[in-house]
Amino acid sequence: MNFLDIFNDTTAQSTFDSKDVEDNKLIVTICYFLPILFFLPIIMNSNSAYCRFHANQILSWLVVGVVVGIVMAIIGIIPILGAILNAVIGLAILVVAILLMMSAYAGKAVRIPFVGSLIQIF
């Protein structure tokens, strides 16, 4: 069992078409690395359950990134502790982004814990 399987939404994943996943997995993976492009999967294929699910998750990831960035900017004011926390949190954000990219490329429907269900725009 993979660690990400804990967060996998099997109900959403069952709606994914395998051809659709193969056609769109590269663009979805790239968008997790650059979440400002959250709208790109919808532009590529608006009828795709895979693209809609991941567009919502990428938008959630963008919101998390903005909030964490603001908090890190505030914490960064603290001389030594701020630098250490910024490095640790930055590394954690990178690791989570890589895990989300890997799961999207594998065709999984991994929801971001706590915030993945909050945004359902697409």
PDB file of N, CA and C in Angstrom:
ATOM      1  N   MET A   1       0.843  -1.191   0.000  1.00  0.00           N
ATOM      2  CA  MET A   1       0.000   0.000   0.000  1.00  0.00           C
ATOM      3  C   MET A   1       0.882   1.246   0.000  1.00  0.00           C
ATOM      4  N   ASN A   2       0.570   2.166  -0.867  1.00  0.00           N
ATOM      5  CA  ASN A   2       1.295   3.412  -1.009  1.00  0.00           C
ATOM      6  C   ASN A   2       0.766   4.421   0.007  1.00  0.00           C
ATOM      7  N   PHE A   3       1.629   5.314   0.488  1.00  0.00           N
ATOM      8  CA  PHE A   3       1.219   6.345   1.448  1.00  0.00           C
ATOM      9  C   PHE A   3       0.089   7.204   0.900  1.00  0.00           C
ATOM     10  N   LEU A   4       0.140   7.522  -0.382  1.00  0.00           N
ATOM     11  CA  LEU A   4      -0.878   8.385  -0.981  1.00  0.00           C
ATOM     12  C   LEU A   4      -2.232   7.702  -1.107  1.00  0.00           C
ATOM     13  N   ASP A   5      -2.261   6.382  -1.043  1.00  0.00           N
ATOM     14  CA  ASP A   5      -3.541   5.667  -1.130  1.00  0.00           C
ATOM     15  C   ASP A   5      -4.476   6.011   0.031  1.00  0.00           C
ATOM     16  N   ILE A   6      -3.912   6.483   1.124  1.00  0.00           N
ATOM     17  CA  ILE A   6      -4.722   6.901   2.272  1.00  0.00           C
ATOM     18  C   ILE A   6      -5.617   8.078   1.882  1.00  0.00           C
ATOM     19  N   PHE A   7      -5.116   8.954   1.031  1.00  0.00           N
ATOM     20  CA  PHE A   7      -5.834  10.158   0.639  1.00  0.00           C
ATOM     21  C   PHE A   7      -6.559  10.021  -0.700  1.00  0.00           C
ATOM     22  N   ASN A   8      -6.507   8.833  -1.288  1.00  0.00           N
ATOM     23  CA  ASN A   8      -7.109   8.613  -2.597  1.00  0.00           C
ATOM     24  C   ASN A   8      -8.635   8.542  -2.479  1.00  0.00           C
ATOM     25  N   ASP A   9      -9.315   9.316  -3.303  1.00  0.00           N
ATOM     26  CA  ASP A   9     -10.774   9.315  -3.356  1.00  0.00           C
ATOM     27  C   ASP A   9     -11.194   8.306  -4.426  1.00  0.00           C
ATOM     28  N   THR A  10     -11.496   7.088  -4.000  1.00  0.00           N
ATOM     29  CA  THR A  10     -11.807   6.025  -4.961  1.00  0.00           C
ATOM     30  C   THR A  10     -13.100   6.296  -5.718  1.00  0.00           C
ATOM     31  N   THR A  11     -14.030   7.010  -5.102  1.00  0.00           N
ATOM     32  CA  THR A  11     -15.277   7.358  -5.789  1.00  0.00           C
ATOM     33  C   THR A  11     -14.992   8.270  -6.974  1.00  0.00           C
ATOM     34  N   ALA A  12     -14.187   9.295  -6.749  1.00  0.00           N
ATOM     35  CA  ALA A  12     -13.823  10.209  -7.840  1.00  0.00           C
ATOM     36  C   ALA A  12     -12.966   9.495  -8.872  1.00  0.00           C
ATOM     37  N   GLN A  13     -12.059   8.652  -8.409  1.00  0.00           N
ATOM     38  CA  GLN A  13     -11.169   7.955  -9.340  1.00  0.00           C
ATOM     39  C   GLN A  13     -11.950   6.994 -10.233  1.00  0.00           C
ATOM     40  N   SER A  14     -13.043   6.442  -9.733  1.00  0.00           N
ATOM     41  CA  SER A  14     -13.829   5.515 -10.547  1.00  0.00           C
ATOM     42  C   SER A  14     -14.515   6.221 -11.718  1.00  0.00           C
ATOM     43  N   THR A  15     -14.612   7.546 -11.674  1.00  0.00           N
ATOM     44  CA  THR A  15     -15.227   8.291 -12.776  1.00  0.00           C
ATOM     45  C   THR A  15     -14.221   8.633 -13.875  1.00  0.00           C
ATOM     46  N   PHE A  16     -12.938   8.385 -13.627  1.00  0.00           N
ATOM     47  CA  PHE A  16     -11.900   8.707 -14.605  1.00  0.00           C
ATOM     48  C   PHE A  16     -11.883   7.661 -15.714  1.00  0.00           C
ATOM     49  N   ASP A  17     -11.793   8.114 -16.937  1.00  0.00           N
ATOM     50  CA  ASP A  17     -11.640   7.244 -18.097  1.00  0.00           C
ATOM     51  C   ASP A  17     -10.139   7.054 -18.344  1.00  0.00           C
ATOM     52  N   SER A  18      -9.694   5.826 -18.577  1.00  0.00           N
ATOM     53  CA  SER A  18      -8.258   5.568 -18.716  1.00  0.00           C
ATOM     54  C   SER A  18      -7.640   6.310 -19.902  1.00  0.00           C
ATOM     55  N   LYS A  19      -8.349   6.425 -21.004  1.00  0.00           N
ATOM     56  CA  LYS A  19      -7.829   7.177 -22.152  1.00  0.00           C
ATOM     57  C   LYS A  19      -7.709   8.658 -21.817  1.00  0.00           C
ATOM     58  N   ASP A  20      -8.700   9.160 -21.091  1.00  0.00           N
ATOM     59  CA  ASP A  20      -8.695  10.554 -20.667  1.00  0.00           C
ATOM     60  C   ASP A  20      -7.498  10.832 -19.754  1.00  0.00           C
ATOM     61  N   VAL A  21      -7.230   9.913 -18.835  1.00  0.00           N
ATOM     62  CA  VAL A  21      -6.088  10.073 -17.936  1.00  0.00           C
ATOM     63  C   VAL A  21      -4.797  10.100 -18.741  1.00  0.00           C
ATOM     64  N   GLU A  22      -4.655   9.172 -19.667  1.00  0.00           N
ATOM     65  CA  GLU A  22      -3.440   9.123 -20.497  1.00  0.00           C
ATOM     66  C   GLU A  22      -3.265  10.397 -21.323  1.00  0.00           C
ATOM     67  N   ASP A  23      -4.348  10.935 -21.838  1.00  0.00           N
ATOM     68  CA  ASP A  23      -4.276  12.125 -22.684  1.00  0.00           C
ATOM     69  C   ASP A  23      -3.935  13.389 -21.899  1.00  0.00           C
ATOM     70  N   ASN A  24      -4.324  13.445 -20.637  1.00  0.00           N
ATOM     71  CA  ASN A  24      -4.214  14.695 -19.878  1.00  0.00           C
ATOM     72  C   ASN A  24      -3.269  14.651 -18.681  1.00  0.00           C
ATOM     73  N   LYS A  25      -2.644  13.519 -18.411  1.00  0.00           N
ATOM     74  CA  LYS A  25      -1.855  13.412 -17.189  1.00  0.00           C
ATOM     75  C   LYS A  25      -0.621  14.320 -17.179  1.00  0.00           C
ATOM     76  N   LEU A  26      -0.041  14.572 -18.328  1.00  0.00           N
ATOM     77  CA  LEU A  26       1.143  15.429 -18.360  1.00  0.00           C
ATOM     78  C   LEU A  26       0.802  16.878 -18.010  1.00  0.00           C
ATOM     79  N   ILE A  27      -0.260  17.404 -18.573  1.00  0.00           N
ATOM     80  CA  ILE A  27      -0.638  18.793 -18.295  1.00  0.00           C
ATOM     81  C   ILE A  27      -1.075  18.963 -16.836  1.00  0.00           C
ATOM     82  N   VAL A  28      -1.782  17.984 -16.296  1.00  0.00           N
ATOM     83  CA  VAL A  28      -2.212  18.049 -14.896  1.00  0.00           C
ATOM     84  C   VAL A  28      -0.991  18.004 -13.977  1.00  0.00           C
ATOM     85  N   THR A  29      -0.038  17.153 -14.305  1.00  0.00           N
ATOM     86  CA  THR A  29       1.183  17.044 -13.499  1.00  0.00           C
ATOM     87  C   THR A  29       1.951  18.362 -13.484  1.00  0.00           C
ATOM     88  N   ILE A  30       2.075  18.987 -14.633  1.00  0.00           N
ATOM     89  CA  ILE A  30       2.773  20.276 -14.719  1.00  0.00           C
ATOM     90  C   ILE A  30       2.053  21.345 -13.899  1.00  0.00           C
ATOM     91  N   CYS A  31       0.732  21.309 -13.926  1.00  0.00           N
ATOM     92  CA  CYS A  31      -0.045  22.322 -13.203  1.00  0.00           C
ATOM     93  C   CYS A  31       0.102  22.195 -11.693  1.00  0.00           C
ATOM     94  N   TYR A  32       0.364  20.992 -11.177  1.00  0.00           N
ATOM     95  CA  TYR A  32       0.623  20.868  -9.743  1.00  0.00           C
ATOM     96  C   TYR A  32       1.926  21.562  -9.367  1.00  0.00           C
ATOM     97  N   PHE A  33       2.896  21.567 -10.278  1.00  0.00           N
ATOM     98  CA  PHE A  33       4.157  22.250 -10.009  1.00  0.00           C
ATOM     99  C   PHE A  33       4.013  23.757 -10.143  1.00  0.00           C
ATOM    100  N   LEU A  34       3.162  24.200 -11.065  1.00  0.00           N
ATOM    101  CA  LEU A  34       2.879  25.630 -11.262  1.00  0.00           C
ATOM    102  C   LEU A  34       1.379  25.858 -11.053  1.00  0.00           C
ATOM    103  N   PRO A  35       0.920  25.908  -9.805  1.00  0.00           N
ATOM    104  CA  PRO A  35      -0.522  25.942  -9.536  1.00  0.00           C
ATOM    105  C   PRO A  35      -1.244  27.181 -10.069  1.00  0.00           C
ATOM    106  N   ILE A  36      -0.519  28.213 -10.460  1.00  0.00           N
ATOM    107  CA  ILE A  36      -1.165  29.384 -11.044  1.00  0.00           C
ATOM    108  C   ILE A  36      -1.846  29.001 -12.361  1.00  0.00           C
ATOM    109  N   LEU A  37      -1.481  27.866 -12.923  1.00  0.00           N
ATOM    110  CA  LEU A  37      -2.077  27.358 -14.163  1.00  0.00           C
ATOM    111  C   LEU A  37      -3.230  26.394 -13.892  1.00  0.00           C
ATOM    112  N   PHE A  38      -3.912  26.564 -12.755  1.00  0.00           N
ATOM    113  CA  PHE A  38      -4.977  25.642 -12.348  1.00  0.00           C
ATOM    114  C   PHE A  38      -6.085  25.514 -13.393  1.00  0.00           C
ATOM    115  N   PHE A  39      -6.281  26.521 -14.209  1.00  0.00           N
ATOM    116  CA  PHE A  39      -7.356  26.536 -15.202  1.00  0.00           C
ATOM    117  C   PHE A  39      -7.002  25.748 -16.465  1.00  0.00           C
ATOM    118  N   LEU A  40      -5.739  25.423 -16.665  1.00  0.00           N
ATOM    119  CA  LEU A  40      -5.294  24.764 -17.893  1.00  0.00           C
ATOM    120  C   LEU A  40      -5.951  23.405 -18.145  1.00  0.00           C
ATOM    121  N   PRO A  41      -6.098  22.531 -17.137  1.00  0.00           N
ATOM    122  CA  PRO A  41      -6.778  21.251 -17.415  1.00  0.00           C
ATOM    123  C   PRO A  41      -8.214  21.437 -17.907  1.00  0.00           C
ATOM    124  N   ILE A  42      -8.898  22.458 -17.424  1.00  0.00           N
ATOM    125  CA  ILE A  42     -10.273  22.718 -17.860  1.00  0.00           C
ATOM    126  C   ILE A  42     -10.274  23.223 -19.302  1.00  0.00           C
ATOM    127  N   ILE A  43      -9.308  24.059 -19.638  1.00  0.00           N
ATOM    128  CA  ILE A  43      -9.218  24.547 -21.017  1.00  0.00           C
ATOM    129  C   ILE A  43      -8.907  23.390 -21.965  1.00  0.00           C
ATOM    130  N   MET A  44      -8.050  22.473 -21.532  1.00  0.00           N
ATOM    131  CA  MET A  44      -7.664  21.342 -22.377  1.00  0.00           C
ATOM    132  C   MET A  44      -8.834  20.396 -22.639  1.00  0.00           C
ATOM    133  N   ASN A  45      -9.630  20.121 -21.593  1.00  0.00           N
ATOM    134  CA  ASN A  45     -10.732  19.176 -21.747  1.00  0.00           C
ATOM    135  C   ASN A  45     -11.763  19.435 -20.649  1.00  0.00           C
ATOM    136  N   SER A  46     -12.737  20.265 -20.924  1.00  0.00           N
ATOM    137  CA  SER A  46     -13.722  20.647 -19.905  1.00  0.00           C
ATOM    138  C   SER A  46     -14.709  19.530 -19.587  1.00  0.00           C
ATOM    139  N   ASN A  47     -14.808  18.519 -20.430  1.00  0.00           N
ATOM    140  CA  ASN A  47     -15.730  17.416 -20.178  1.00  0.00           C
ATOM    141  C   ASN A  47     -15.104  16.278 -19.382  1.00  0.00           C
ATOM    142  N   SER A  48     -13.843  16.384 -19.070  1.00  0.00           N
ATOM    143  CA  SER A  48     -13.107  15.321 -18.409  1.00  0.00           C
ATOM    144  C   SER A  48     -13.274  15.375 -16.892  1.00  0.00           C
ATOM    145  N   ALA A  49     -13.705  14.263 -16.302  1.00  0.00           N
ATOM    146  CA  ALA A  49     -13.806  14.177 -14.835  1.00  0.00           C
ATOM    147  C   ALA A  49     -12.415  14.276 -14.217  1.00  0.00           C
ATOM    148  N   TYR A  50     -11.422  13.687 -14.872  1.00  0.00           N
ATOM    149  CA  TYR A  50     -10.036  13.735 -14.404  1.00  0.00           C
ATOM    150  C   TYR A  50      -9.535  15.179 -14.361  1.00  0.00           C
ATOM    151  N   CYS A  51      -9.764  15.925 -15.428  1.00  0.00           N
ATOM    152  CA  CYS A  51      -9.315  17.324 -15.479  1.00  0.00           C
ATOM    153  C   CYS A  51     -10.070  18.192 -14.479  1.00  0.00           C
ATOM    154  N   ARG A  52     -11.369  17.986 -14.344  1.00  0.00           N
ATOM    155  CA  ARG A  52     -12.153  18.781 -13.390  1.00  0.00           C
ATOM    156  C   ARG A  52     -11.702  18.513 -11.962  1.00  0.00           C
ATOM    157  N   PHE A  53     -11.523  17.234 -11.605  1.00  0.00           N
ATOM    158  CA  PHE A  53     -11.085  16.897 -10.249  1.00  0.00           C
ATOM    159  C   PHE A  53      -9.749  17.556  -9.942  1.00  0.00           C
ATOM    160  N   HIS A  54      -8.792  17.386 -10.836  1.00  0.00           N
ATOM    161  CA  HIS A  54      -7.453  17.921 -10.563  1.00  0.00           C
ATOM    162  C   HIS A  54      -7.396  19.439 -10.661  1.00  0.00           C
ATOM    163  N   ALA A  55      -8.227  20.057 -11.487  1.00  0.00           N
ATOM    164  CA  ALA A  55      -8.275  21.522 -11.523  1.00  0.00           C
ATOM    165  C   ALA A  55      -8.733  22.061 -10.162  1.00  0.00           C
ATOM    166  N   ASN A  56      -9.717  21.410  -9.563  1.00  0.00           N
ATOM    167  CA  ASN A  56     -10.160  21.818  -8.223  1.00  0.00           C
ATOM    168  C   ASN A  56      -9.059  21.615  -7.190  1.00  0.00           C
ATOM    169  N   GLN A  57      -8.348  20.483  -7.277  1.00  0.00           N
ATOM    170  CA  GLN A  57      -7.276  20.223  -6.330  1.00  0.00           C
ATOM    171  C   GLN A  57      -6.115  21.198  -6.526  1.00  0.00           C
ATOM    172  N   ILE A  58      -5.803  21.519  -7.768  1.00  0.00           N
ATOM    173  CA  ILE A  58      -4.713  22.466  -8.038  1.00  0.00           C
ATOM    174  C   ILE A  58      -5.081  23.856  -7.524  1.00  0.00           C
ATOM    175  N   LEU A  59      -6.336  24.248  -7.685  1.00  0.00           N
ATOM    176  CA  LEU A  59      -6.785  25.533  -7.139  1.00  0.00           C
ATOM    177  C   LEU A  59      -6.682  25.523  -5.617  1.00  0.00           C
ATOM    178  N   SER A  60      -7.049  24.428  -4.994  1.00  0.00           N
ATOM    179  CA  SER A  60      -6.888  24.297  -3.537  1.00  0.00           C
ATOM    180  C   SER A  60      -5.414  24.404  -3.156  1.00  0.00           C
ATOM    181  N   TRP A  61      -4.558  23.763  -3.943  1.00  0.00           N
ATOM    182  CA  TRP A  61      -3.117  23.811  -3.699  1.00  0.00           C
ATOM    183  C   TRP A  61      -2.597  25.239  -3.833  1.00  0.00           C
ATOM    184  N   LEU A  62      -3.109  25.992  -4.779  1.00  0.00           N
ATOM    185  CA  LEU A  62      -2.723  27.396  -4.954  1.00  0.00           C
ATOM    186  C   LEU A  62      -3.126  28.220  -3.731  1.00  0.00           C
ATOM    187  N   VAL A  63      -4.335  28.023  -3.245  1.00  0.00           N
ATOM    188  CA  VAL A  63      -4.804  28.757  -2.057  1.00  0.00           C
ATOM    189  C   VAL A  63      -3.932  28.415  -0.850  1.00  0.00           C
ATOM    190  N   VAL A  64      -3.631  27.140  -0.677  1.00  0.00           N
ATOM    191  CA  VAL A  64      -2.750  26.723   0.421  1.00  0.00           C
ATOM    192  C   VAL A  64      -1.386  27.390   0.276  1.00  0.00           C
ATOM    193  N   GLY A  65      -0.865  27.411  -0.942  1.00  0.00           N
ATOM    194  CA  GLY A  65       0.440  28.027  -1.172  1.00  0.00           C
ATOM    195  C   GLY A  65       0.471  29.510  -0.842  1.00  0.00           C
ATOM    196  N   VAL A  66      -0.593  30.214  -1.188  1.00  0.00           N
ATOM    197  CA  VAL A  66      -0.667  31.648  -0.891  1.00  0.00           C
ATOM    198  C   VAL A  66      -0.736  31.876   0.621  1.00  0.00           C
ATOM    199  N   VAL A  67      -1.577  31.113   1.300  1.00  0.00           N
ATOM    200  CA  VAL A  67      -1.715  31.265   2.755  1.00  0.00           C
ATOM    201  C   VAL A  67      -0.398  30.924   3.449  1.00  0.00           C
ATOM    202  N   VAL A  68       0.220  29.815   3.058  1.00  0.00           N
ATOM    203  CA  VAL A  68       1.499  29.434   3.658  1.00  0.00           C
ATOM    204  C   VAL A  68       2.566  30.478   3.344  1.00  0.00           C
ATOM    205  N   GLY A  69       2.554  31.044   2.152  1.00  0.00           N
ATOM    206  CA  GLY A  69       3.510  32.092   1.802  1.00  0.00           C
ATOM    207  C   GLY A  69       3.370  33.319   2.678  1.00  0.00           C
ATOM    208  N   ILE A  70       2.131  33.706   2.961  1.00  0.00           N
ATOM    209  CA  ILE A  70       1.892  34.857   3.841  1.00  0.00           C
ATOM    210  C   ILE A  70       2.388  34.563   5.252  1.00  0.00           C
ATOM    211  N   VAL A  71       2.064  33.374   5.753  1.00  0.00           N
ATOM    212  CA  VAL A  71       2.512  32.986   7.099  1.00  0.00           C
ATOM    213  C   VAL A  71       4.036  32.925   7.149  1.00  0.00           C
ATOM    214  N   MET A  72       4.656  32.375   6.108  1.00  0.00           N
ATOM    215  CA  MET A  72       6.120  32.292   6.081  1.00  0.00           C
ATOM    216  C   MET A  72       6.758  33.678   6.033  1.00  0.00           C
ATOM    217  N   ALA A  73       6.127  34.621   5.346  1.00  0.00           N
ATOM    218  CA  ALA A  73       6.651  35.986   5.302  1.00  0.00           C
ATOM    219  C   ALA A  73       6.607  36.629   6.680  1.00  0.00           C
ATOM    220  N   ILE A  74       5.551  36.351   7.411  1.00  0.00           N
ATOM    221  CA  ILE A  74       5.435  36.897   8.772  1.00  0.00           C
ATOM    222  C   ILE A  74       6.454  36.242   9.698  1.00  0.00           C
ATOM    223  N   ILE A  75       6.571  34.912   9.603  1.00  0.00           N
ATOM    224  CA  ILE A  75       7.528  34.192  10.453  1.00  0.00           C
ATOM    225  C   ILE A  75       8.958  34.550  10.075  1.00  0.00           C
ATOM    226  N   GLY A  76       9.186  34.869   8.805  1.00  0.00           N
ATOM    227  CA  GLY A  76      10.526  35.201   8.338  1.00  0.00           C
ATOM    228  C   GLY A  76      11.132  36.417   9.017  1.00  0.00           C
ATOM    229  N   ILE A  77      10.325  37.200   9.683  1.00  0.00           N
ATOM    230  CA  ILE A  77      10.810  38.380  10.399  1.00  0.00           C
ATOM    231  C   ILE A  77      11.680  37.966  11.593  1.00  0.00           C
ATOM    232  N   ILE A  78      11.369  36.821  12.193  1.00  0.00           N
ATOM    233  CA  ILE A  78      12.136  36.320  13.339  1.00  0.00           C
ATOM    234  C   ILE A  78      13.518  35.894  12.827  1.00  0.00           C
ATOM    235  N   PRO A  79      14.605  36.445  13.382  1.00  0.00           N
ATOM    236  CA  PRO A  79      15.934  36.256  12.795  1.00  0.00           C
ATOM    237  C   PRO A  79      16.339  34.804  12.471  1.00  0.00           C
ATOM    238  N   ILE A  80      16.675  33.993  13.409  1.00  0.00           N
ATOM    239  CA  ILE A  80      17.201  32.652  13.120  1.00  0.00           C
ATOM    240  C   ILE A  80      16.078  31.635  12.987  1.00  0.00           C
ATOM    241  N   LEU A  81      15.136  31.682  13.894  1.00  0.00           N
ATOM    242  CA  LEU A  81      14.015  30.735  13.872  1.00  0.00           C
ATOM    243  C   LEU A  81      13.205  30.869  12.585  1.00  0.00           C
ATOM    244  N   GLY A  82      13.031  32.082  12.127  1.00  0.00           N
ATOM    245  CA  GLY A  82      12.286  32.316  10.891  1.00  0.00           C
ATOM    246  C   GLY A  82      12.944  31.670   9.690  1.00  0.00           C
ATOM    247  N   ALA A  83      14.258  31.781   9.603  1.00  0.00           N
ATOM    248  CA  ALA A  83      14.990  31.181   8.483  1.00  0.00           C
ATOM    249  C   ALA A  83      14.902  29.662   8.524  1.00  0.00           C
ATOM    250  N   ILE A  84      15.024  29.087   9.701  1.00  0.00           N
ATOM    251  CA  ILE A  84      14.934  27.628   9.843  1.00  0.00           C
ATOM    252  C   ILE A  84      13.532  27.140   9.485  1.00  0.00           C
ATOM    253  N   LEU A  85      12.520  27.794  10.032  1.00  0.00           N
ATOM    254  CA  LEU A  85      11.139  27.385   9.736  1.00  0.00           C
ATOM    255  C   LEU A  85      10.805  27.568   8.264  1.00  0.00           C
ATOM    256  N   ASN A  86      11.270  28.650   7.656  1.00  0.00           N
ATOM    257  CA  ASN A  86      11.032  28.864   6.223  1.00  0.00           C
ATOM    258  C   ASN A  86      11.658  27.759   5.385  1.00  0.00           C
ATOM    259  N   ALA A  87      12.855  27.318   5.766  1.00  0.00           N
ATOM    260  CA  ALA A  87      13.518  26.241   5.023  1.00  0.00           C
ATOM    261  C   ALA A  87      12.756  24.931   5.185  1.00  0.00           C
ATOM    262  N   VAL A  88      12.345  24.621   6.386  1.00  0.00           N
ATOM    263  CA  VAL A  88      11.623  23.366   6.648  1.00  0.00           C
ATOM    264  C   VAL A  88      10.260  23.372   5.956  1.00  0.00           C
ATOM    265  N   ILE A  89       9.527  24.461   6.084  1.00  0.00           N
ATOM    266  CA  ILE A  89       8.206  24.550   5.461  1.00  0.00           C
ATOM    267  C   ILE A  89       8.336  24.560   3.938  1.00  0.00           C
ATOM    268  N   GLY A  90       9.322  25.246   3.421  1.00  0.00           N
ATOM    269  CA  GLY A  90       9.556  25.252   1.979  1.00  0.00           C
ATOM    270  C   GLY A  90       9.860  23.864   1.445  1.00  0.00           C
ATOM    271  N   LEU A  91      10.665  23.106   2.167  1.00  0.00           N
ATOM    272  CA  LEU A  91      10.973  21.737   1.775  1.00  0.00           C
ATOM    273  C   LEU A  91       9.728  20.854   1.842  1.00  0.00           C
ATOM    274  N   ALA A  92       8.916  21.051   2.876  1.00  0.00           N
ATOM    275  CA  ALA A  92       7.675  20.276   3.008  1.00  0.00           C
ATOM    276  C   ALA A  92       6.719  20.578   1.845  1.00  0.00           C
ATOM    277  N   ILE A  93       6.618  21.831   1.461  1.00  0.00           N
ATOM    278  CA  ILE A  93       5.764  22.213   0.331  1.00  0.00           C
ATOM    279  C   ILE A  93       6.259  21.547  -0.953  1.00  0.00           C
ATOM    280  N   LEU A  94       7.562  21.532  -1.157  1.00  0.00           N
ATOM    281  CA  LEU A  94       8.135  20.890  -2.338  1.00  0.00           C
ATOM    282  C   LEU A  94       7.845  19.387  -2.353  1.00  0.00           C
ATOM    283  N   VAL A  95       7.996  18.732  -1.211  1.00  0.00           N
ATOM    284  CA  VAL A  95       7.741  17.289  -1.124  1.00  0.00           C
ATOM    285  C   VAL A  95       6.272  16.989  -1.413  1.00  0.00           C
ATOM    286  N   VAL A  96       5.365  17.770  -0.847  1.00  0.00           N
ATOM    287  CA  VAL A  96       3.939  17.558  -1.093  1.00  0.00           C
ATOM    288  C   VAL A  96       3.612  17.792  -2.561  1.00  0.00           C
ATOM    289  N   ALA A  97       4.191  18.812  -3.168  1.00  0.00           N
ATOM    290  CA  ALA A  97       3.960  19.082  -4.590  1.00  0.00           C
ATOM    291  C   ALA A  97       4.422  17.899  -5.441  1.00  0.00           C
ATOM    292  N   ILE A  98       5.566  17.335  -5.118  1.00  0.00           N
ATOM    293  CA  ILE A  98       6.079  16.183  -5.866  1.00  0.00           C
ATOM    294  C   ILE A  98       5.162  14.976  -5.685  1.00  0.00           C
ATOM    295  N   LEU A  99       4.685  14.750  -4.469  1.00  0.00           N
ATOM    296  CA  LEU A  99       3.765  13.632  -4.229  1.00  0.00           C
ATOM    297  C   LEU A  99       2.453  13.816  -4.993  1.00  0.00           C
ATOM    298  N   LEU A 100       1.943  15.045  -5.020  1.00  0.00           N
ATOM    299  CA  LEU A 100       0.713  15.313  -5.779  1.00  0.00           C
ATOM    300  C   LEU A 100       0.947  15.122  -7.271  1.00  0.00           C
ATOM    301  N   MET A 101       2.101  15.531  -7.752  1.00  0.00           N
ATOM    302  CA  MET A 101       2.425  15.347  -9.161  1.00  0.00           C
ATOM    303  C   MET A 101       2.502  13.864  -9.509  1.00  0.00           C
ATOM    304  N   MET A 102       3.137  13.073  -8.651  1.00  0.00           N
ATOM    305  CA  MET A 102       3.260  11.637  -8.897  1.00  0.00           C
ATOM    306  C   MET A 102       1.898  10.959  -8.905  1.00  0.00           C
ATOM    307  N   SER A 103       1.028  11.359  -7.985  1.00  0.00           N
ATOM    308  CA  SER A 103      -0.290  10.735  -7.921  1.00  0.00           C
ATOM    309  C   SER A 103      -1.142  11.125  -9.129  1.00  0.00           C
ATOM    310  N   ALA A 104      -1.045  12.364  -9.569  1.00  0.00           N
ATOM    311  CA  ALA A 104      -1.803  12.791 -10.747  1.00  0.00           C
ATOM    312  C   ALA A 104      -1.304  12.072 -11.990  1.00  0.00           C
ATOM    313  N   TYR A 105      -0.008  11.905 -12.107  1.00  0.00           N
ATOM    314  CA  TYR A 105       0.560  11.206 -13.261  1.00  0.00           C
ATOM    315  C   TYR A 105       0.151   9.731 -13.274  1.00  0.00           C
ATOM    316  N   ALA A 106      -0.053   9.168 -12.082  1.00  0.00           N
ATOM    317  CA  ALA A 106      -0.470   7.764 -11.968  1.00  0.00           C
ATOM    318  C   ALA A 106      -1.976   7.594 -12.180  1.00  0.00           C
ATOM    319  N   GLY A 107      -2.700   8.705 -12.334  1.00  0.00           N
ATOM    320  CA  GLY A 107      -4.146   8.625 -12.554  1.00  0.00           C
ATOM    321  C   GLY A 107      -4.954   8.492 -11.286  1.00  0.00           C
ATOM    322  N   LYS A 108      -4.364   8.815 -10.156  1.00  0.00           N
ATOM    323  CA  LYS A 108      -5.056   8.725  -8.868  1.00  0.00           C
ATOM    324  C   LYS A 108      -5.870   9.995  -8.616  1.00  0.00           C
ATOM    325  N   ALA A 109      -6.802   9.888  -7.685  1.00  0.00           N
ATOM    326  CA  ALA A 109      -7.631  11.026  -7.287  1.00  0.00           C
ATOM    327  C   ALA A 109      -7.304  11.384  -5.845  1.00  0.00           C
ATOM    328  N   VAL A 110      -6.096  11.831  -5.607  1.00  0.00           N
ATOM    329  CA  VAL A 110      -5.658  12.168  -4.258  1.00  0.00           C
ATOM    330  C   VAL A 110      -6.178  13.545  -3.887  1.00  0.00           C
ATOM    331  N   ARG A 111      -6.911  13.597  -2.776  1.00  0.00           N
ATOM    332  CA  ARG A 111      -7.412  14.874  -2.253  1.00  0.00           C
ATOM    333  C   ARG A 111      -6.396  15.437  -1.265  1.00  0.00           C
ATOM    334  N   ILE A 112      -6.174  16.729  -1.361  1.00  0.00           N
ATOM    335  CA  ILE A 112      -5.277  17.394  -0.424  1.00  0.00           C
ATOM    336  C   ILE A 112      -5.965  17.380   0.945  1.00  0.00           C
ATOM    337  N   PRO A 113      -5.282  16.862   1.974  1.00  0.00           N
ATOM    338  CA  PRO A 113      -5.906  16.770   3.293  1.00  0.00           C
ATOM    339  C   PRO A 113      -6.397  18.129   3.795  1.00  0.00           C
ATOM    340  N   PHE A 114      -7.540  18.131   4.426  1.00  0.00           N
ATOM    341  CA  PHE A 114      -8.184  19.273   5.069  1.00  0.00           C
ATOM    342  C   PHE A 114      -8.810  20.280   4.089  1.00  0.00           C
ATOM    343  N   VAL A 115      -8.150  20.579   2.984  1.00  0.00           N
ATOM    344  CA  VAL A 115      -8.668  21.621   2.084  1.00  0.00           C
ATOM    345  C   VAL A 115      -9.114  21.089   0.730  1.00  0.00           C
ATOM    346  N   GLY A 116      -8.824  19.853   0.430  1.00  0.00           N
ATOM    347  CA  GLY A 116      -9.133  19.291  -0.885  1.00  0.00           C
ATOM    348  C   GLY A 116     -10.609  19.222  -1.213  1.00  0.00           C
ATOM    349  N   SER A 117     -11.459  19.214  -0.188  1.00  0.00           N
ATOM    350  CA  SER A 117     -12.898  19.142  -0.422  1.00  0.00           C
ATOM    351  C   SER A 117     -13.576  20.494  -0.339  1.00  0.00           C
ATOM    352  N   LEU A 118     -12.856  21.531   0.000  1.00  0.00           N
ATOM    353  CA  LEU A 118     -13.458  22.849   0.208  1.00  0.00           C
ATOM    354  C   LEU A 118     -13.789  23.565  -1.094  1.00  0.00           C
ATOM    355  N   ILE A 119     -12.949  23.416  -2.102  1.00  0.00           N
ATOM    356  CA  ILE A 119     -13.137  24.130  -3.352  1.00  0.00           C
ATOM    357  C   ILE A 119     -13.642  23.159  -4.415  1.00  0.00           C
ATOM    358  N   GLN A 120     -14.835  23.399  -4.914  1.00  0.00           N
ATOM    359  CA  GLN A 120     -15.426  22.581  -5.970  1.00  0.00           C
ATOM    360  C   GLN A 120     -16.018  23.517  -7.035  1.00  0.00           C
ATOM    361  N   ILE A 121     -15.162  24.249  -7.718  1.00  0.00           N
ATOM    362  CA  ILE A 121     -15.612  25.226  -8.702  1.00  0.00           C
ATOM    363  C   ILE A 121     -15.894  24.573 -10.048  1.00  0.00           C
ATOM    364  N   PHE A 122     -15.057  23.629 -10.446  1.00  0.00           N
ATOM    365  CA  PHE A 122     -15.161  23.042 -11.778  1.00  0.00           C
ATOM    366  C   PHE A 122     -15.948  21.758 -11.773  1.00  0.00           C
TER     367      PHE A 122
END
